[in-house]
Amino acid sequence: MWANNEIGSIAPMKIIAELCHARGVLLHSDATQAVGRIPVDMLDADVDLLSAAAHKFYGPKGTGILVVGNGNRRVRMKPQIVGGGQQHGLRSGTLNSAGIVAMATALELAVDDMDSHHEQIGRMRNQLFQLLCEGIDGIQLNGIPLASPNRLAGNLNLQLELIEGEAWMAATPSVAFSSGSACSSVDAKPSHVLTAIGLSESEARRSVRFGIGRFNTEQQIQQAAEWLIEAHAKLRRLS
């Protein structure tokens, strides 16, 4: 995973690739959280295969990318869908031309404005964290510091002192945030990412994740913080 979807940490892909190749292992990176948000150089990192999803950079849902090979070593793949032999025989079936063009356009726009969006998104993420810390006692940040260049600008994962994340979410229906990964939302277990970095099961259950995007505004951040602080205060009174 080039960048983690829960705590926003950006992996040292070049180092990981060197370790893999020294042992004769090809490296595939899930770059879904990275593509369109931070510079991703598959050749420089020497990653052999890379995948990403278009909706993460505001492209159409259901459309994605798989880049096979970077020219440094041979990569052979066995098709899972056979038939007409499209895409060099790797994935047969009629191509979604409209989705492909829309995805390419969305990616081009995301890359062209990446620097300005990165600064804007990071500023709003920091604003949200500051407002919540001012209004709620005992908040702790999960993951590496927000100022680190190795954390995604739009990621905020924090831990509450007494209230579980699921309860906070239920009490704040006007704000979209999560208590774990969207990929495992049906799993009642605490986040394996948070427990892997040393959080207890209780701490993981008291953690939530916010994702800030380029279409959010500072006014929305201010309003969301007010709703979140109000909901947290209500939960504390009831507990």
Protein backbone atom coordinates (compact mmCIF):
# COMPACT_ATOMS: atom_id res chain seq x y z
CA MET A 1 0.00 0.00 0.00
CA TRP A 2 1.67 3.20 -1.20
CA ALA A 3 -0.31 5.30 1.30
CA ASN A 4 -2.44 3.92 4.11
CA ASN A 5 -6.16 4.56 3.92
CA GLU A 6 -6.69 4.74 7.70
CA ILE A 7 -3.78 6.67 9.18
CA GLY A 8 -2.43 8.32 6.03
CA SER A 9 1.17 7.14 6.34
CA ILE A 10 3.13 7.10 3.08
CA ALA A 11 5.30 4.01 2.63
CA PRO A 12 8.98 4.14 1.56
CA MET A 13 8.25 2.29 -1.67
CA LYS A 14 11.79 2.41 -3.06
CA ILE A 15 13.19 0.71 0.06
CA ILE A 16 10.40 -1.88 0.03
CA ALA A 17 11.07 -2.58 -3.65
CA GLU A 18 14.78 -3.09 -2.99
CA LEU A 19 14.02 -5.59 -0.22
CA CYS A 20 11.61 -7.50 -2.46
CA HIS A 21 13.87 -7.61 -5.50
CA ALA A 22 16.89 -8.69 -3.44
CA ARG A 23 14.86 -11.81 -2.65
CA GLY A 24 13.58 -12.34 -6.17
CA VAL A 25 10.06 -11.15 -5.37
CA LEU A 26 7.96 -8.89 -7.59
CA LEU A 27 6.26 -5.95 -5.88
CA HIS A 28 2.67 -4.88 -6.44
CA SER A 29 1.54 -1.66 -4.77
CA ASP A 30 -2.03 -0.68 -4.03
CA ALA A 31 -1.64 3.03 -4.75
CA THR A 32 -5.33 3.88 -4.50
CA GLN A 33 -4.80 6.46 -1.75
CA ALA A 34 -1.72 7.96 -3.40
CA VAL A 35 -2.44 8.42 -7.11
CA GLY A 36 -3.68 11.95 -7.80
CA ARG A 37 -2.82 13.12 -4.28
CA ILE A 38 0.96 12.82 -4.05
CA PRO A 39 3.68 12.27 -6.68
CA VAL A 40 3.77 8.59 -7.65
CA ASP A 41 6.75 7.54 -9.77
CA MET A 42 6.55 3.84 -10.49
CA LEU A 43 9.86 3.81 -12.34
CA ASP A 44 11.81 5.68 -9.68
CA ALA A 45 10.40 3.45 -6.91
CA ASP A 46 10.98 0.37 -9.11
CA VAL A 47 7.51 -1.02 -8.38
CA ASP A 48 6.56 -3.88 -10.71
CA LEU A 49 2.77 -3.58 -10.62
CA LEU A 50 0.55 -0.73 -9.49
CA SER A 51 -3.20 -0.42 -9.07
CA ALA A 52 -5.49 2.51 -8.27
CA ALA A 53 -9.19 3.40 -8.25
CA ALA A 54 -10.56 6.36 -10.20
CA HIS A 55 -13.08 7.53 -7.61
CA LYS A 56 -10.26 8.45 -5.22
CA PHE A 57 -9.23 11.28 -7.53
CA TYR A 58 -12.81 12.25 -8.45
CA GLY A 59 -13.10 9.96 -11.45
CA PRO A 60 -16.02 7.58 -12.09
CA LYS A 61 -16.68 4.77 -9.62
CA GLY A 62 -16.10 1.26 -10.93
CA THR A 63 -13.11 2.31 -13.04
CA GLY A 64 -9.53 1.54 -12.11
CA ILE A 65 -5.94 1.19 -13.23
CA LEU A 66 -3.54 -1.73 -13.25
CA VAL A 67 -0.06 -0.96 -14.55
CA VAL A 68 1.87 -4.14 -15.34
CA GLY A 69 5.66 -3.95 -15.49
CA ASN A 70 8.04 -1.01 -15.46
CA GLY A 71 10.62 -2.30 -17.95
CA ASN A 72 13.16 -3.43 -15.37
CA ARG A 73 12.04 -7.06 -15.15
CA ARG A 74 9.54 -9.33 -16.83
CA VAL A 75 6.09 -9.61 -15.28
CA ARG A 76 3.81 -12.43 -16.39
CA MET A 77 0.16 -12.50 -15.45
CA LYS A 78 -2.49 -15.16 -15.90
CA PRO A 79 -5.87 -13.79 -17.01
CA GLN A 80 -8.82 -14.29 -14.69
CA ILE A 81 -11.36 -13.42 -17.39
CA VAL A 82 -10.97 -15.00 -20.83
CA GLY A 83 -12.86 -14.61 -24.08
CA GLY A 84 -12.30 -11.89 -26.65
CA GLY A 85 -8.68 -11.26 -25.75
CA GLN A 86 -8.99 -7.54 -25.05
CA GLN A 87 -6.22 -5.72 -23.17
CA HIS A 88 -3.55 -8.03 -24.61
CA GLY A 89 -5.46 -11.06 -23.38
CA LEU A 90 -5.20 -10.07 -19.72
CA ARG A 91 -8.85 -9.12 -19.26
CA SER A 92 -11.37 -9.99 -21.91
CA GLY A 93 -14.59 -8.04 -22.31
CA THR A 94 -15.79 -4.84 -23.95
CA LEU A 95 -13.82 -1.88 -22.67
CA ASN A 96 -15.60 0.88 -20.75
CA SER A 97 -14.42 3.63 -23.08
CA ALA A 98 -16.38 6.42 -21.39
CA GLY A 99 -15.09 5.40 -17.97
CA ILE A 100 -11.51 5.17 -19.21
CA VAL A 101 -11.59 8.64 -20.80
CA ALA A 102 -13.27 10.14 -17.73
CA MET A 103 -10.71 8.52 -15.45
CA ALA A 104 -7.80 9.81 -17.52
CA THR A 105 -9.26 13.33 -17.54
CA ALA A 106 -9.86 13.28 -13.78
CA LEU A 107 -6.30 12.12 -13.16
CA GLU A 108 -4.88 14.80 -15.43
CA LEU A 109 -6.81 17.48 -13.53
CA ALA A 110 -5.75 16.06 -10.17
CA VAL A 111 -2.08 16.00 -11.12
CA ASP A 112 -2.12 19.48 -12.67
CA ASP A 113 -3.44 21.06 -9.45
CA MET A 114 -1.82 18.67 -6.99
CA ASP A 115 0.42 21.17 -5.18
CA SER A 116 -2.26 23.79 -4.57
CA HIS A 117 -4.81 21.18 -3.50
CA HIS A 118 -2.29 19.55 -1.17
CA GLU A 119 -1.69 22.82 0.66
CA GLN A 120 -5.39 23.70 0.82
CA ILE A 121 -6.45 20.26 2.06
CA GLY A 122 -3.68 20.11 4.66
CA ARG A 123 -4.68 23.50 6.01
CA MET A 124 -8.32 22.41 6.44
CA ARG A 125 -7.29 19.11 8.02
CA ASN A 126 -5.16 20.97 10.56
CA GLN A 127 -8.00 23.42 11.20
CA LEU A 128 -10.39 20.57 11.99
CA PHE A 129 -7.93 18.93 14.36
CA GLN A 130 -7.25 22.20 16.17
CA LEU A 131 -10.96 22.99 16.58
CA LEU A 132 -11.73 19.52 17.91
CA CYS A 133 -8.82 19.65 20.35
CA GLU A 134 -10.04 23.03 21.61
CA GLY A 135 -13.59 21.75 22.11
CA ILE A 136 -12.99 18.20 23.35
CA ASP A 137 -10.62 17.17 26.12
CA GLY A 138 -8.30 14.22 25.76
CA ILE A 139 -8.11 13.89 21.97
CA GLN A 140 -5.02 12.08 20.69
CA LEU A 141 -3.71 11.83 17.15
CA ASN A 142 -3.23 8.36 15.66
CA GLY A 143 -0.28 7.87 13.33
CA ILE A 144 2.64 10.10 12.50
CA PRO A 145 2.53 13.90 13.12
CA LEU A 146 0.30 15.97 10.86
CA ALA A 147 3.27 18.12 9.83
CA SER A 148 5.18 15.12 8.49
CA PRO A 149 5.64 14.99 4.70
CA ASN A 150 5.06 11.25 5.03
CA ARG A 151 1.38 11.66 5.90
CA LEU A 152 -1.42 12.33 3.42
CA ALA A 153 -2.66 15.91 3.68
CA GLY A 154 -6.33 14.95 3.86
CA ASN A 155 -6.06 12.26 6.52
CA LEU A 156 -7.04 12.80 10.15
CA ASN A 157 -7.30 9.79 12.46
CA LEU A 158 -7.86 10.58 16.11
CA GLN A 159 -8.71 8.88 19.37
CA LEU A 160 -11.28 9.97 21.94
CA GLU A 161 -10.77 9.58 25.66
CA LEU A 162 -14.06 7.96 26.71
CA ILE A 163 -16.53 7.78 23.80
CA GLU A 164 -16.47 5.03 21.16
CA GLY A 165 -16.20 6.12 17.55
CA GLU A 166 -19.39 4.35 16.49
CA ALA A 167 -21.41 6.26 19.09
CA TRP A 168 -19.92 9.58 17.96
CA MET A 169 -20.77 8.77 14.35
CA ALA A 170 -24.37 7.90 15.23
CA ALA A 171 -24.73 11.13 17.20
CA THR A 172 -23.41 13.26 14.31
CA PRO A 173 -25.36 12.17 11.20
CA SER A 174 -24.64 15.41 9.32
CA VAL A 175 -20.89 14.71 9.21
CA ALA A 176 -19.47 11.88 7.11
CA PHE A 177 -16.61 10.12 8.91
CA SER A 178 -15.77 6.56 9.85
CA SER A 179 -14.51 4.37 12.65
CA GLY A 180 -12.39 2.20 10.35
CA SER A 181 -11.68 1.34 6.75
CA ALA A 182 -14.50 1.55 4.21
CA CYS A 183 -13.15 -1.74 2.83
CA SER A 184 -14.00 -3.53 6.09
CA SER A 185 -17.09 -1.64 7.26
CA VAL A 186 -19.04 -4.89 7.80
CA ASP A 187 -16.37 -6.24 10.14
CA ALA A 188 -17.13 -5.54 13.80
CA LYS A 189 -13.52 -6.10 14.83
CA PRO A 190 -11.36 -3.08 15.72
CA SER A 191 -9.07 -1.77 12.99
CA HIS A 192 -6.11 -4.07 12.38
CA VAL A 193 -4.12 -1.02 11.26
CA LEU A 194 -4.58 0.72 14.60
CA THR A 195 -3.82 -2.38 16.64
CA ALA A 196 -0.72 -2.97 14.47
CA ILE A 197 0.70 0.42 15.50
CA GLY A 198 0.21 -0.42 19.17
CA LEU A 199 -3.30 0.70 20.09
CA SER A 200 -5.34 -1.50 22.38
CA GLU A 201 -8.72 -2.81 21.25
CA SER A 202 -10.42 -0.18 23.42
CA GLU A 203 -8.30 2.63 21.96
CA ALA A 204 -8.99 1.43 18.43
CA ARG A 205 -12.74 1.43 19.09
CA ARG A 206 -12.48 5.00 20.38
CA SER A 207 -10.80 6.11 17.15
CA VAL A 208 -12.33 7.73 14.08
CA ARG A 209 -11.09 8.82 10.69
CA PHE A 210 -11.86 12.00 8.74
CA GLY A 211 -11.03 12.50 5.08
CA ILE A 212 -10.71 16.05 3.75
CA GLY A 213 -11.04 16.64 0.01
CA ARG A 214 -10.39 19.44 -2.42
CA PHE A 215 -14.07 20.39 -2.65
CA ASN A 216 -14.43 20.94 1.09
CA THR A 217 -14.38 24.51 2.40
CA GLU A 218 -13.16 26.12 5.60
CA GLN A 219 -16.77 27.03 6.40
CA GLN A 220 -17.72 23.36 6.19
CA ILE A 221 -14.83 22.46 8.49
CA GLN A 222 -16.00 25.04 11.03
CA GLN A 223 -19.58 23.77 10.90
CA ALA A 224 -18.54 20.13 11.12
CA ALA A 225 -16.38 20.84 14.16
CA GLU A 226 -19.29 22.57 15.91
CA TRP A 227 -21.60 19.61 15.26
CA LEU A 228 -18.97 17.11 16.38
CA ILE A 229 -18.18 18.97 19.58
CA GLU A 230 -21.88 19.37 20.39
CA ALA A 231 -22.56 15.66 19.79
CA HIS A 232 -19.57 14.65 21.91
CA ALA A 233 -20.76 16.85 24.79
CA LYS A 234 -24.21 15.26 24.59
CA LEU A 235 -22.72 11.76 24.70
CA ARG A 236 -20.61 12.68 27.72
CA ARG A 237 -23.69 13.94 29.57
CA LEU A 238 -25.50 10.68 28.84
CA SER A 239 -22.60 8.44 29.86
